[in-house]
Amino acid sequence: MKKGMNELELLLEIIDQAYERQAWHGPNLKGSLRGLTAKQASWRPARGRHNIWELVIHAAYWKYAVRRRLAGGKRGSFPLKGSNWFENPMRNGERAWKEDLALLDETHRGLREAIAVLAPSRLHSSQPGSKVKNVTLIYGIASHDLYHAGQIQLLKRLQGRRSS
């Protein structure tokens, strides 16, 4: 923790390290996706298993869901139809892959903005109808990014072994 950093700044640092800033733990979510093609992202290790592309959209969805819980907002306003897991066939190849990577970036920025303007007094409260504190949601979404970054690293290795 940087000297003089308050709790809100620490939370922003944590979600940024999990998503795109260099950290001690190795690849973050965005780093784990660097250089992947649409074909690599759509490779599925086995029937009924998720591919990297689906993990990307899933991560974007949950960034949206946490932002919506923190800042309010219309339910069902995620740009893709559905929730949580989205089956993603390789539609429009590289262009669609780049669009979905951009969606992940956009939802991260939106989440970050919602956290940055959160009143410190609201950090340890929860939303109406929920028992989960806002601070727990924020720590949770950072953990979610890192969990899926690890899955992506594993899928990349499995894919590399499969093709050799």
N, C-alpha and C. Protein backbone atom coordinates (compact mmCIF):
# COMPACT_ATOMS: atom_id res chain seq x y z
N MET A 1 0.85 -1.17 0.00
CA MET A 1 0.00 0.00 0.00
C MET A 1 0.90 1.24 0.00
N LYS A 2 0.62 2.14 -0.92
CA LYS A 2 1.39 3.38 -0.99
C LYS A 2 1.08 4.24 0.23
N LYS A 3 2.08 4.96 0.67
CA LYS A 3 1.90 5.83 1.84
C LYS A 3 0.78 6.83 1.57
N GLY A 4 -0.12 6.94 2.53
CA GLY A 4 -1.21 7.89 2.43
C GLY A 4 -2.39 7.40 1.60
N MET A 5 -2.34 6.15 1.15
CA MET A 5 -3.42 5.62 0.32
C MET A 5 -4.63 5.30 1.20
N ASN A 6 -5.80 5.78 0.80
CA ASN A 6 -7.00 5.46 1.56
C ASN A 6 -7.62 4.15 1.05
N GLU A 7 -8.67 3.70 1.70
CA GLU A 7 -9.27 2.40 1.37
C GLU A 7 -9.80 2.36 -0.07
N LEU A 8 -10.41 3.42 -0.51
CA LEU A 8 -10.93 3.48 -1.87
C LEU A 8 -9.81 3.39 -2.90
N GLU A 9 -8.73 4.10 -2.67
CA GLU A 9 -7.58 4.05 -3.56
C GLU A 9 -6.97 2.65 -3.58
N LEU A 10 -6.93 2.00 -2.43
CA LEU A 10 -6.41 0.63 -2.35
C LEU A 10 -7.29 -0.32 -3.17
N LEU A 11 -8.59 -0.17 -3.07
CA LEU A 11 -9.50 -1.02 -3.84
C LEU A 11 -9.31 -0.82 -5.35
N LEU A 12 -9.13 0.43 -5.76
CA LEU A 12 -8.86 0.71 -7.18
C LEU A 12 -7.55 0.07 -7.63
N GLU A 13 -6.55 0.15 -6.77
CA GLU A 13 -5.25 -0.48 -7.07
C GLU A 13 -5.41 -1.99 -7.22
N ILE A 14 -6.19 -2.59 -6.35
CA ILE A 14 -6.39 -4.04 -6.38
C ILE A 14 -7.10 -4.47 -7.66
N ILE A 15 -8.18 -3.77 -8.04
CA ILE A 15 -8.87 -4.20 -9.27
C ILE A 15 -8.02 -3.93 -10.50
N ASP A 16 -7.21 -2.87 -10.47
CA ASP A 16 -6.33 -2.59 -11.61
C ASP A 16 -5.22 -3.62 -11.73
N GLN A 17 -4.64 -4.05 -10.61
CA GLN A 17 -3.61 -5.10 -10.67
C GLN A 17 -4.20 -6.41 -11.17
N ALA A 18 -5.38 -6.74 -10.74
CA ALA A 18 -6.01 -7.98 -11.17
C ALA A 18 -6.36 -7.94 -12.66
N TYR A 19 -6.64 -6.74 -13.17
CA TYR A 19 -7.05 -6.63 -14.57
C TYR A 19 -5.92 -6.27 -15.53
N GLU A 20 -5.15 -5.21 -15.20
CA GLU A 20 -4.21 -4.74 -16.23
C GLU A 20 -2.88 -4.18 -15.74
N ARG A 21 -2.72 -3.95 -14.47
CA ARG A 21 -1.46 -3.39 -13.97
C ARG A 21 -0.51 -4.50 -13.56
N GLN A 22 0.75 -4.22 -13.72
CA GLN A 22 1.77 -5.18 -13.31
C GLN A 22 1.67 -5.44 -11.82
N ALA A 23 1.78 -6.71 -11.46
CA ALA A 23 1.69 -7.09 -10.05
C ALA A 23 2.64 -8.26 -9.79
N TRP A 24 2.84 -8.56 -8.55
CA TRP A 24 3.79 -9.62 -8.18
C TRP A 24 3.30 -11.00 -8.58
N HIS A 25 2.02 -11.19 -8.75
CA HIS A 25 1.45 -12.53 -8.94
C HIS A 25 1.56 -13.08 -10.34
N GLY A 26 2.11 -12.33 -11.27
CA GLY A 26 2.21 -12.82 -12.64
C GLY A 26 1.11 -12.25 -13.50
N PRO A 27 0.73 -12.95 -14.57
CA PRO A 27 -0.23 -12.38 -15.51
C PRO A 27 -1.57 -12.03 -14.87
N ASN A 28 -2.04 -10.85 -15.21
CA ASN A 28 -3.38 -10.44 -14.81
C ASN A 28 -4.33 -10.85 -15.93
N LEU A 29 -5.59 -10.51 -15.83
CA LEU A 29 -6.56 -10.96 -16.83
C LEU A 29 -6.22 -10.43 -18.23
N LYS A 30 -5.99 -9.15 -18.35
CA LYS A 30 -5.70 -8.58 -19.68
C LYS A 30 -4.38 -9.14 -20.23
N GLY A 31 -3.39 -9.28 -19.38
CA GLY A 31 -2.11 -9.83 -19.82
C GLY A 31 -2.23 -11.27 -20.30
N SER A 32 -3.12 -12.03 -19.68
CA SER A 32 -3.29 -13.43 -20.10
C SER A 32 -3.93 -13.53 -21.49
N LEU A 33 -4.54 -12.45 -21.95
CA LEU A 33 -5.22 -12.45 -23.25
C LEU A 33 -4.36 -11.87 -24.38
N ARG A 34 -3.27 -11.25 -24.00
CA ARG A 34 -2.42 -10.56 -24.97
C ARG A 34 -1.97 -11.51 -26.09
N GLY A 35 -2.18 -11.08 -27.31
CA GLY A 35 -1.68 -11.80 -28.47
C GLY A 35 -2.53 -12.98 -28.94
N LEU A 36 -3.62 -13.26 -28.26
CA LEU A 36 -4.45 -14.40 -28.67
C LEU A 36 -5.28 -14.06 -29.91
N THR A 37 -5.42 -15.01 -30.78
CA THR A 37 -6.27 -14.85 -31.96
C THR A 37 -7.68 -15.36 -31.64
N ALA A 38 -8.61 -15.04 -32.51
CA ALA A 38 -9.98 -15.52 -32.35
C ALA A 38 -10.01 -17.05 -32.36
N LYS A 39 -9.21 -17.63 -33.21
CA LYS A 39 -9.18 -19.09 -33.29
C LYS A 39 -8.67 -19.70 -31.98
N GLN A 40 -7.61 -19.14 -31.44
CA GLN A 40 -7.09 -19.64 -30.16
C GLN A 40 -8.11 -19.42 -29.03
N ALA A 41 -8.77 -18.26 -29.04
CA ALA A 41 -9.74 -17.94 -27.99
C ALA A 41 -10.97 -18.84 -28.05
N SER A 42 -11.29 -19.34 -29.23
CA SER A 42 -12.49 -20.17 -29.36
C SER A 42 -12.20 -21.67 -29.22
N TRP A 43 -10.94 -22.03 -29.05
CA TRP A 43 -10.59 -23.45 -28.86
C TRP A 43 -11.20 -23.95 -27.55
N ARG A 44 -11.81 -25.10 -27.64
CA ARG A 44 -12.48 -25.70 -26.49
C ARG A 44 -11.73 -26.98 -26.10
N PRO A 45 -11.33 -27.12 -24.83
CA PRO A 45 -10.53 -28.28 -24.42
C PRO A 45 -11.30 -29.60 -24.48
N ALA A 46 -12.60 -29.54 -24.33
CA ALA A 46 -13.45 -30.74 -24.40
C ALA A 46 -14.89 -30.28 -24.52
N ARG A 47 -15.72 -31.15 -24.98
CA ARG A 47 -17.14 -30.85 -25.10
C ARG A 47 -17.70 -30.46 -23.72
N GLY A 48 -18.50 -29.41 -23.70
CA GLY A 48 -19.11 -28.97 -22.45
C GLY A 48 -18.21 -28.11 -21.57
N ARG A 49 -17.01 -27.79 -22.05
CA ARG A 49 -16.07 -26.94 -21.29
C ARG A 49 -16.03 -25.55 -21.92
N HIS A 50 -15.73 -24.56 -21.12
CA HIS A 50 -15.67 -23.19 -21.61
C HIS A 50 -14.35 -22.95 -22.35
N ASN A 51 -14.42 -22.03 -23.31
CA ASN A 51 -13.21 -21.60 -24.00
C ASN A 51 -12.82 -20.20 -23.50
N ILE A 52 -11.69 -19.73 -23.95
CA ILE A 52 -11.18 -18.43 -23.50
C ILE A 52 -12.14 -17.31 -23.86
N TRP A 53 -12.71 -17.37 -25.05
CA TRP A 53 -13.63 -16.33 -25.49
C TRP A 53 -14.82 -16.23 -24.54
N GLU A 54 -15.35 -17.37 -24.15
CA GLU A 54 -16.48 -17.37 -23.21
C GLU A 54 -16.07 -16.81 -21.84
N LEU A 55 -14.84 -17.09 -21.42
CA LEU A 55 -14.35 -16.55 -20.15
C LEU A 55 -14.26 -15.03 -20.21
N VAL A 56 -13.86 -14.49 -21.37
CA VAL A 56 -13.76 -13.04 -21.55
C VAL A 56 -15.12 -12.38 -21.39
N ILE A 57 -16.12 -12.93 -22.06
CA ILE A 57 -17.46 -12.34 -21.99
C ILE A 57 -18.04 -12.51 -20.58
N HIS A 58 -17.78 -13.66 -19.96
CA HIS A 58 -18.22 -13.90 -18.59
C HIS A 58 -17.60 -12.86 -17.64
N ALA A 59 -16.32 -12.60 -17.78
CA ALA A 59 -15.65 -11.61 -16.93
C ALA A 59 -16.23 -10.21 -17.17
N ALA A 60 -16.49 -9.88 -18.44
CA ALA A 60 -17.10 -8.57 -18.75
C ALA A 60 -18.48 -8.47 -18.12
N TYR A 61 -19.25 -9.54 -18.19
CA TYR A 61 -20.60 -9.53 -17.62
C TYR A 61 -20.55 -9.25 -16.11
N TRP A 62 -19.63 -9.92 -15.40
CA TRP A 62 -19.59 -9.73 -13.95
C TRP A 62 -19.04 -8.37 -13.55
N LYS A 63 -18.17 -7.77 -14.37
CA LYS A 63 -17.75 -6.39 -14.11
C LYS A 63 -18.96 -5.47 -14.24
N TYR A 64 -19.77 -5.71 -15.28
CA TYR A 64 -21.01 -4.95 -15.47
C TYR A 64 -21.94 -5.15 -14.28
N ALA A 65 -22.12 -6.40 -13.84
CA ALA A 65 -23.05 -6.71 -12.74
C ALA A 65 -22.63 -6.02 -11.44
N VAL A 66 -21.33 -6.03 -11.14
CA VAL A 66 -20.86 -5.39 -9.91
C VAL A 66 -21.01 -3.87 -10.03
N ARG A 67 -20.67 -3.31 -11.19
CA ARG A 67 -20.86 -1.86 -11.39
C ARG A 67 -22.33 -1.49 -11.20
N ARG A 68 -23.23 -2.27 -11.77
CA ARG A 68 -24.66 -2.00 -11.66
C ARG A 68 -25.11 -2.06 -10.19
N ARG A 69 -24.56 -3.02 -9.44
CA ARG A 69 -24.92 -3.12 -8.02
C ARG A 69 -24.40 -1.93 -7.22
N LEU A 70 -23.21 -1.45 -7.56
CA LEU A 70 -22.62 -0.33 -6.83
C LEU A 70 -23.28 1.00 -7.19
N ALA A 71 -23.53 1.19 -8.48
CA ALA A 71 -23.97 2.51 -8.95
C ALA A 71 -25.45 2.56 -9.29
N GLY A 72 -26.11 1.45 -9.22
CA GLY A 72 -27.49 1.42 -9.69
C GLY A 72 -27.45 1.27 -11.20
N GLY A 73 -28.53 1.26 -11.81
CA GLY A 73 -28.56 1.12 -13.25
C GLY A 73 -29.59 0.09 -13.66
N LYS A 74 -29.95 0.18 -14.90
CA LYS A 74 -31.01 -0.66 -15.43
C LYS A 74 -30.52 -2.10 -15.58
N ARG A 75 -31.27 -3.01 -15.02
CA ARG A 75 -30.98 -4.44 -15.17
C ARG A 75 -31.24 -4.81 -16.62
N GLY A 76 -30.40 -5.69 -17.14
CA GLY A 76 -30.57 -6.11 -18.53
C GLY A 76 -29.95 -5.17 -19.54
N SER A 77 -29.05 -4.29 -19.08
CA SER A 77 -28.44 -3.33 -20.01
C SER A 77 -27.07 -3.79 -20.51
N PHE A 78 -26.68 -5.03 -20.20
CA PHE A 78 -25.43 -5.57 -20.75
C PHE A 78 -25.61 -5.68 -22.27
N PRO A 79 -24.59 -5.34 -23.05
CA PRO A 79 -24.74 -5.30 -24.51
C PRO A 79 -25.10 -6.64 -25.18
N LEU A 80 -24.85 -7.75 -24.53
CA LEU A 80 -25.18 -9.05 -25.12
C LEU A 80 -26.38 -9.64 -24.39
N LYS A 81 -27.17 -10.40 -25.10
CA LYS A 81 -28.34 -11.05 -24.48
C LYS A 81 -27.87 -12.21 -23.62
N GLY A 82 -28.47 -12.30 -22.42
CA GLY A 82 -28.14 -13.39 -21.52
C GLY A 82 -27.49 -12.87 -20.26
N SER A 83 -26.96 -13.82 -19.49
CA SER A 83 -26.26 -13.47 -18.26
C SER A 83 -25.30 -14.59 -17.89
N ASN A 84 -24.29 -14.24 -17.14
CA ASN A 84 -23.29 -15.15 -16.60
C ASN A 84 -22.45 -15.83 -17.68
N TRP A 85 -22.95 -16.89 -18.29
CA TRP A 85 -22.19 -17.62 -19.33
C TRP A 85 -22.86 -17.42 -20.67
N PHE A 86 -22.06 -17.08 -21.66
CA PHE A 86 -22.54 -16.84 -23.01
C PHE A 86 -21.81 -17.80 -23.95
N GLU A 87 -22.57 -18.64 -24.61
CA GLU A 87 -21.93 -19.51 -25.61
C GLU A 87 -21.52 -18.61 -26.75
N ASN A 88 -20.28 -18.73 -27.15
CA ASN A 88 -19.80 -17.81 -28.16
C ASN A 88 -19.12 -18.55 -29.31
N PRO A 89 -19.90 -18.91 -30.31
CA PRO A 89 -19.26 -19.48 -31.49
C PRO A 89 -18.41 -18.39 -32.15
N MET A 90 -17.50 -18.78 -32.97
CA MET A 90 -16.57 -17.82 -33.59
C MET A 90 -17.30 -16.98 -34.63
N ARG A 91 -18.14 -16.06 -34.17
CA ARG A 91 -18.86 -15.20 -35.09
C ARG A 91 -17.96 -14.08 -35.59
N ASN A 92 -17.92 -13.87 -36.85
CA ASN A 92 -17.13 -12.80 -37.49
C ASN A 92 -15.66 -12.77 -37.10
N GLY A 93 -15.14 -13.88 -36.64
CA GLY A 93 -13.71 -14.05 -36.43
C GLY A 93 -13.01 -12.97 -35.65
N GLU A 94 -11.90 -12.50 -36.21
CA GLU A 94 -11.02 -11.55 -35.51
C GLU A 94 -11.72 -10.26 -35.12
N ARG A 95 -12.60 -9.76 -35.99
CA ARG A 95 -13.29 -8.51 -35.67
C ARG A 95 -14.15 -8.68 -34.40
N ALA A 96 -14.89 -9.76 -34.33
CA ALA A 96 -15.74 -10.00 -33.16
C ALA A 96 -14.90 -10.22 -31.90
N TRP A 97 -13.78 -10.91 -32.04
CA TRP A 97 -12.87 -11.12 -30.90
C TRP A 97 -12.38 -9.79 -30.37
N LYS A 98 -11.95 -8.91 -31.26
CA LYS A 98 -11.46 -7.58 -30.85
C LYS A 98 -12.60 -6.78 -30.20
N GLU A 99 -13.81 -6.90 -30.72
CA GLU A 99 -14.96 -6.20 -30.13
C GLU A 99 -15.23 -6.70 -28.71
N ASP A 100 -15.11 -8.00 -28.51
CA ASP A 100 -15.36 -8.55 -27.18
C ASP A 100 -14.24 -8.22 -26.20
N LEU A 101 -13.01 -8.11 -26.69
CA LEU A 101 -11.91 -7.63 -25.84
C LEU A 101 -12.16 -6.16 -25.45
N ALA A 102 -12.67 -5.37 -26.41
CA ALA A 102 -12.99 -3.97 -26.14
C ALA A 102 -14.14 -3.88 -25.13
N LEU A 103 -15.10 -4.80 -25.22
CA LEU A 103 -16.20 -4.83 -24.25
C LEU A 103 -15.66 -5.08 -22.84
N LEU A 104 -14.69 -5.98 -22.72
CA LEU A 104 -14.07 -6.25 -21.43
C LEU A 104 -13.39 -4.99 -20.90
N ASP A 105 -12.66 -4.29 -21.75
CA ASP A 105 -12.02 -3.02 -21.35
C ASP A 105 -13.06 -1.99 -20.90
N GLU A 106 -14.12 -1.86 -21.69
CA GLU A 106 -15.17 -0.88 -21.37
C GLU A 106 -15.83 -1.18 -20.03
N THR A 107 -16.13 -2.45 -19.79
CA THR A 107 -16.79 -2.79 -18.53
C THR A 107 -15.84 -2.59 -17.36
N HIS A 108 -14.54 -2.81 -17.58
CA HIS A 108 -13.58 -2.55 -16.51
C HIS A 108 -13.54 -1.05 -16.20
N ARG A 109 -13.49 -0.23 -17.24
CA ARG A 109 -13.47 1.23 -17.02
C ARG A 109 -14.74 1.69 -16.30
N GLY A 110 -15.89 1.15 -16.70
CA GLY A 110 -17.15 1.52 -16.05
C GLY A 110 -17.16 1.12 -14.58
N LEU A 111 -16.66 -0.07 -14.29
CA LEU A 111 -16.57 -0.54 -12.91
C LEU A 111 -15.64 0.37 -12.11
N ARG A 112 -14.50 0.66 -12.69
CA ARG A 112 -13.52 1.52 -12.02
C ARG A 112 -14.11 2.88 -11.69
N GLU A 113 -14.84 3.46 -12.65
CA GLU A 113 -15.48 4.76 -12.43
C GLU A 113 -16.51 4.69 -11.30
N ALA A 114 -17.28 3.60 -11.26
CA ALA A 114 -18.30 3.44 -10.21
C ALA A 114 -17.64 3.33 -8.83
N ILE A 115 -16.50 2.66 -8.77
CA ILE A 115 -15.78 2.54 -7.50
C ILE A 115 -15.17 3.88 -7.10
N ALA A 116 -14.59 4.58 -8.06
CA ALA A 116 -13.91 5.85 -7.77
C ALA A 116 -14.84 6.90 -7.17
N VAL A 117 -16.11 6.88 -7.54
CA VAL A 117 -17.04 7.89 -7.03
C VAL A 117 -17.88 7.38 -5.86
N LEU A 118 -17.62 6.17 -5.43
CA LEU A 118 -18.36 5.60 -4.30
C LEU A 118 -18.00 6.35 -3.02
N ALA A 119 -18.99 6.79 -2.32
CA ALA A 119 -18.75 7.48 -1.04
C ALA A 119 -18.11 6.50 -0.07
N PRO A 120 -17.01 6.89 0.58
CA PRO A 120 -16.36 5.99 1.54
C PRO A 120 -17.33 5.41 2.58
N SER A 121 -18.35 6.17 2.92
CA SER A 121 -19.33 5.69 3.90
C SER A 121 -20.15 4.51 3.36
N ARG A 122 -20.17 4.33 2.03
CA ARG A 122 -20.93 3.24 1.43
C ARG A 122 -20.11 1.97 1.25
N LEU A 123 -18.81 2.04 1.48
CA LEU A 123 -17.96 0.87 1.27
C LEU A 123 -18.38 -0.32 2.14
N HIS A 124 -18.74 -0.05 3.36
CA HIS A 124 -19.06 -1.13 4.29
C HIS A 124 -20.56 -1.33 4.50
N SER A 125 -21.33 -0.81 3.56
CA SER A 125 -22.76 -1.07 3.58
C SER A 125 -23.08 -1.97 2.39
N SER A 126 -24.31 -2.44 2.32
CA SER A 126 -24.71 -3.30 1.21
C SER A 126 -25.90 -2.66 0.50
N GLN A 127 -26.17 -3.17 -0.67
CA GLN A 127 -27.29 -2.67 -1.45
C GLN A 127 -28.60 -3.19 -0.85
N PRO A 128 -29.68 -2.47 -1.03
CA PRO A 128 -30.97 -2.95 -0.53
C PRO A 128 -31.27 -4.36 -1.07
N GLY A 129 -31.67 -5.23 -0.17
CA GLY A 129 -31.99 -6.60 -0.55
C GLY A 129 -30.80 -7.53 -0.63
N SER A 130 -29.62 -7.03 -0.27
CA SER A 130 -28.40 -7.85 -0.32
C SER A 130 -27.71 -7.81 1.03
N LYS A 131 -27.05 -8.90 1.38
CA LYS A 131 -26.27 -8.94 2.62
C LYS A 131 -24.78 -8.72 2.33
N VAL A 132 -24.42 -8.68 1.03
CA VAL A 132 -23.02 -8.55 0.64
C VAL A 132 -22.61 -7.09 0.65
N LYS A 133 -21.58 -6.79 1.42
CA LYS A 133 -21.08 -5.42 1.51
C LYS A 133 -20.40 -5.01 0.20
N ASN A 134 -20.46 -3.73 -0.11
CA ASN A 134 -19.85 -3.21 -1.34
C ASN A 134 -18.37 -3.53 -1.41
N VAL A 135 -17.66 -3.40 -0.30
CA VAL A 135 -16.24 -3.68 -0.29
C VAL A 135 -15.98 -5.15 -0.66
N THR A 136 -16.85 -6.04 -0.23
CA THR A 136 -16.72 -7.46 -0.55
C THR A 136 -16.94 -7.70 -2.05
N LEU A 137 -17.88 -6.98 -2.64
CA LEU A 137 -18.09 -7.09 -4.09
C LEU A 137 -16.83 -6.68 -4.86
N ILE A 138 -16.20 -5.61 -4.39
CA ILE A 138 -15.02 -5.10 -5.09
C ILE A 138 -13.85 -6.07 -4.96
N TYR A 139 -13.59 -6.56 -3.76
CA TYR A 139 -12.54 -7.57 -3.60
C TYR A 139 -12.88 -8.80 -4.44
N GLY A 140 -14.16 -9.15 -4.45
CA GLY A 140 -14.59 -10.34 -5.19
C GLY A 140 -14.36 -10.23 -6.67
N ILE A 141 -14.62 -9.06 -7.25
CA ILE A 141 -14.44 -8.92 -8.70
C ILE A 141 -12.96 -8.95 -9.07
N ALA A 142 -12.10 -8.46 -8.20
CA ALA A 142 -10.65 -8.57 -8.44
C ALA A 142 -10.23 -10.04 -8.40
N SER A 143 -10.73 -10.77 -7.42
CA SER A 143 -10.42 -12.21 -7.32
C SER A 143 -10.95 -12.95 -8.52
N HIS A 144 -12.11 -12.57 -8.99
CA HIS A 144 -12.73 -13.18 -10.17
C HIS A 144 -11.82 -13.02 -11.39
N ASP A 145 -11.28 -11.82 -11.58
CA ASP A 145 -10.36 -11.59 -12.70
C ASP A 145 -9.15 -12.51 -12.61
N LEU A 146 -8.57 -12.60 -11.43
CA LEU A 146 -7.37 -13.43 -11.27
C LEU A 146 -7.67 -14.91 -11.44
N TYR A 147 -8.80 -15.35 -10.95
CA TYR A 147 -9.20 -16.75 -11.11
C TYR A 147 -9.28 -17.11 -12.59
N HIS A 148 -9.94 -16.25 -13.36
CA HIS A 148 -10.09 -16.55 -14.78
C HIS A 148 -8.79 -16.32 -15.56
N ALA A 149 -7.95 -15.42 -15.09
CA ALA A 149 -6.63 -15.27 -15.72
C ALA A 149 -5.86 -16.59 -15.60
N GLY A 150 -5.93 -17.23 -14.44
CA GLY A 150 -5.29 -18.53 -14.26
C GLY A 150 -5.89 -19.59 -15.16
N GLN A 151 -7.20 -19.60 -15.30
CA GLN A 151 -7.84 -20.56 -16.21
C GLN A 151 -7.36 -20.35 -17.64
N ILE A 152 -7.26 -19.10 -18.04
CA ILE A 152 -6.82 -18.79 -19.40
C ILE A 152 -5.39 -19.26 -19.62
N GLN A 153 -4.52 -19.03 -18.64
CA GLN A 153 -3.14 -19.51 -18.76
C GLN A 153 -3.11 -21.03 -18.93
N LEU A 154 -3.94 -21.73 -18.19
CA LEU A 154 -4.01 -23.18 -18.29
C LEU A 154 -4.54 -23.61 -19.66
N LEU A 155 -5.58 -22.96 -20.14
CA LEU A 155 -6.13 -23.29 -21.46
C LEU A 155 -5.11 -23.04 -22.57
N LYS A 156 -4.33 -21.98 -22.44
CA LYS A 156 -3.28 -21.71 -23.44
C LYS A 156 -2.25 -22.83 -23.44
N ARG A 157 -1.87 -23.30 -22.26
CA ARG A 157 -0.91 -24.41 -22.18
C ARG A 157 -1.49 -25.69 -22.75
N LEU A 158 -2.72 -26.01 -22.40
CA LEU A 158 -3.35 -27.21 -22.94
C LEU A 158 -3.44 -27.14 -24.46
N GLN A 159 -3.76 -25.98 -24.97
CA GLN A 159 -3.87 -25.78 -26.40
C GLN A 159 -2.51 -25.96 -27.07
N GLY A 160 -1.48 -25.45 -26.44
CA GLY A 160 -0.13 -25.59 -27.00
C GLY A 160 0.32 -27.04 -27.02
N ARG A 161 0.03 -27.78 -25.99
CA ARG A 161 0.41 -29.20 -25.93
C ARG A 161 -0.37 -30.00 -26.93
N ARG A 162 -1.63 -29.64 -27.12
CA ARG A 162 -2.49 -30.38 -28.03
C ARG A 162 -1.98 -30.27 -29.46
N SER A 163 -1.49 -29.10 -29.83
CA SER A 163 -1.09 -28.89 -31.23
C SER A 163 0.31 -29.40 -31.51
N SER A 164 1.10 -29.75 -30.49
CA SER A 164 2.46 -30.20 -30.78
C SER A 164 2.55 -31.69 -30.99
